[in-house]
């Protein structure tokens, strides 16, 4: 990363699979993935999602309210999303039961 780069990596890029059958999971499918994110107040957050099948993405604030949500995302950058006073946020990705997806998630903030 460059000295003058205005981008601070928060998570990833990481690839994971979703929607697989799992007898230990609620509903017998692993169709929801939650990723906790440590943020800094008064910054802008960006979430990049790339998937081989459409997924639903929610960015949640520290007080459990929704900062942004998008349905049927295959390849998109969500943001800028203001962190406001939040020191932590979360990204929730979901697919319908029975659907499968390989998802790559990357999260960064402006400095």
Protein backbone atom coordinates (compact mmCIF):
# COMPACT_ATOMS: atom_id res chain seq x y z
CA UNK A 1 0.00 0.00 0.00
CA UNK A 2 1.31 3.40 -0.95
CA UNK A 3 2.16 6.10 1.57
CA UNK A 4 -0.29 8.50 -0.09
CA UNK A 5 -3.04 5.95 -0.64
CA UNK A 6 -6.30 7.23 0.85
CA UNK A 7 -7.65 3.72 1.33
CA UNK A 8 -7.42 1.77 4.57
CA UNK A 9 -8.18 -1.96 4.18
CA UNK A 10 -10.60 -3.22 6.85
CA UNK A 11 -11.46 -6.74 5.66
CA UNK A 12 -10.41 -9.11 2.90
CA UNK A 13 -10.51 -9.72 0.09
CA UNK A 14 -11.79 -13.11 1.23
CA UNK A 15 -13.73 -15.74 -0.72
CA UNK A 16 -16.27 -18.08 0.85
CA UNK A 17 -19.10 -20.33 -0.30
CA UNK A 18 -22.71 -19.98 0.79
CA UNK A 19 -25.89 -22.03 0.62
CA UNK A 20 -24.42 -25.44 1.33
CA UNK A 21 -26.39 -28.07 3.21
CA UNK A 22 -25.33 -28.28 6.88
CA UNK A 23 -27.24 -30.29 9.49
CA UNK A 24 -25.70 -28.19 12.29
CA UNK A 25 -26.96 -24.86 10.92
CA UNK A 26 -30.38 -23.35 11.63
CA UNK A 27 -32.69 -24.37 8.79
CA UNK A 28 -30.09 -26.92 7.60
CA UNK A 29 -28.45 -24.49 5.16
CA UNK A 30 -25.57 -22.04 5.62
CA UNK A 31 -27.27 -19.27 3.69
CA UNK A 32 -26.36 -16.26 5.86
CA UNK A 33 -22.83 -15.00 6.59
CA UNK A 34 -22.14 -12.19 9.06
CA UNK A 35 -18.82 -10.33 9.12
CA UNK A 36 -18.02 -7.92 11.98
CA UNK A 37 -16.05 -4.83 10.90
CA UNK A 38 -14.00 -2.52 13.13
CA UNK A 39 -14.47 1.05 11.92
CA UNK A 40 -13.49 4.56 12.91
CA UNK A 41 -16.08 7.29 13.47
CA UNK A 42 -16.69 9.96 10.84
CA UNK A 43 -15.22 7.99 7.93
CA UNK A 44 -16.63 6.60 4.69
CA UNK A 45 -16.94 2.82 4.32
CA UNK A 46 -16.94 0.89 1.02
CA UNK A 47 -18.03 -2.73 0.54
CA UNK A 48 -17.12 -4.65 -2.62
CA UNK A 49 -19.07 -7.85 -3.30
CA UNK A 50 -18.38 -10.18 -6.23
CA UNK A 51 -20.46 -13.34 -6.56
CA UNK A 52 -21.22 -15.97 -9.16
CA UNK A 53 -24.92 -15.86 -8.16
CA UNK A 54 -27.05 -12.95 -6.87
CA UNK A 55 -26.85 -12.33 -3.11
CA UNK A 56 -28.48 -9.86 -0.72
CA UNK A 57 -26.15 -7.54 1.21
CA UNK A 58 -26.84 -5.48 4.34
CA UNK A 59 -24.41 -3.11 6.06
CA UNK A 60 -25.47 -2.67 9.68
CA UNK A 61 -24.48 0.03 12.15
CA UNK A 62 -23.37 -0.43 15.74
CA UNK A 63 -26.92 0.20 17.00
CA UNK A 64 -28.18 -2.68 14.77
CA UNK A 65 -29.87 -0.38 12.29
CA UNK A 66 -29.32 -0.69 8.55
CA UNK A 67 -26.84 1.69 6.95
CA UNK A 68 -27.45 0.27 3.47
CA UNK A 69 -28.95 -2.77 1.82
CA UNK A 70 -29.00 -4.10 -1.73
CA UNK A 71 -30.78 -7.09 -3.19
CA UNK A 72 -29.60 -9.34 -6.04
CA UNK A 73 -25.97 -8.16 -6.05
CA UNK A 74 -23.57 -10.05 -8.33
CA UNK A 75 -20.72 -7.54 -8.68
CA UNK A 76 -20.90 -4.14 -7.01
CA UNK A 77 -19.18 -1.61 -4.78
CA UNK A 78 -21.53 -0.27 -2.13
CA UNK A 79 -20.62 3.11 -0.75
CA UNK A 80 -19.65 5.57 0.37
CA UNK A 81 -21.44 4.63 3.59
CA UNK A 82 -20.91 7.08 6.48
CA UNK A 83 -19.77 5.40 9.70
CA UNK A 84 -21.10 8.35 11.75
CA UNK A 85 -20.34 7.54 15.43
CA UNK A 86 -19.89 3.78 14.96
CA UNK A 87 -16.74 2.02 16.14
CA UNK A 88 -17.97 -1.27 14.71
CA UNK A 89 -20.30 -2.24 11.91
CA UNK A 90 -21.27 -5.47 10.22
CA UNK A 91 -21.80 -6.89 6.76
CA UNK A 92 -24.53 -9.50 6.37
CA UNK A 93 -24.73 -11.51 3.14
CA UNK A 94 -27.53 -13.93 2.38
CA UNK A 95 -28.89 -16.25 -0.30
CA UNK A 96 -32.21 -18.06 -0.45
CA UNK A 97 -32.32 -21.55 0.98
CA UNK A 98 -31.21 -24.01 -1.69
CA UNK A 99 -29.28 -21.42 -3.73
CA UNK A 100 -25.48 -21.51 -3.78
CA UNK A 101 -22.95 -18.76 -4.29
CA UNK A 102 -19.19 -18.24 -4.15
CA UNK A 103 -18.69 -14.74 -2.77
CA UNK A 104 -15.63 -12.51 -2.56
CA UNK A 105 -15.94 -9.73 0.02
CA UNK A 106 -13.65 -6.73 0.48
CA UNK A 107 -14.20 -3.78 2.84
CA UNK A 108 -12.19 -0.55 3.12
CA UNK A 109 -12.45 2.99 4.51
CA UNK A 110 -11.22 6.39 3.38
CA UNK A 111 -8.49 7.82 5.53
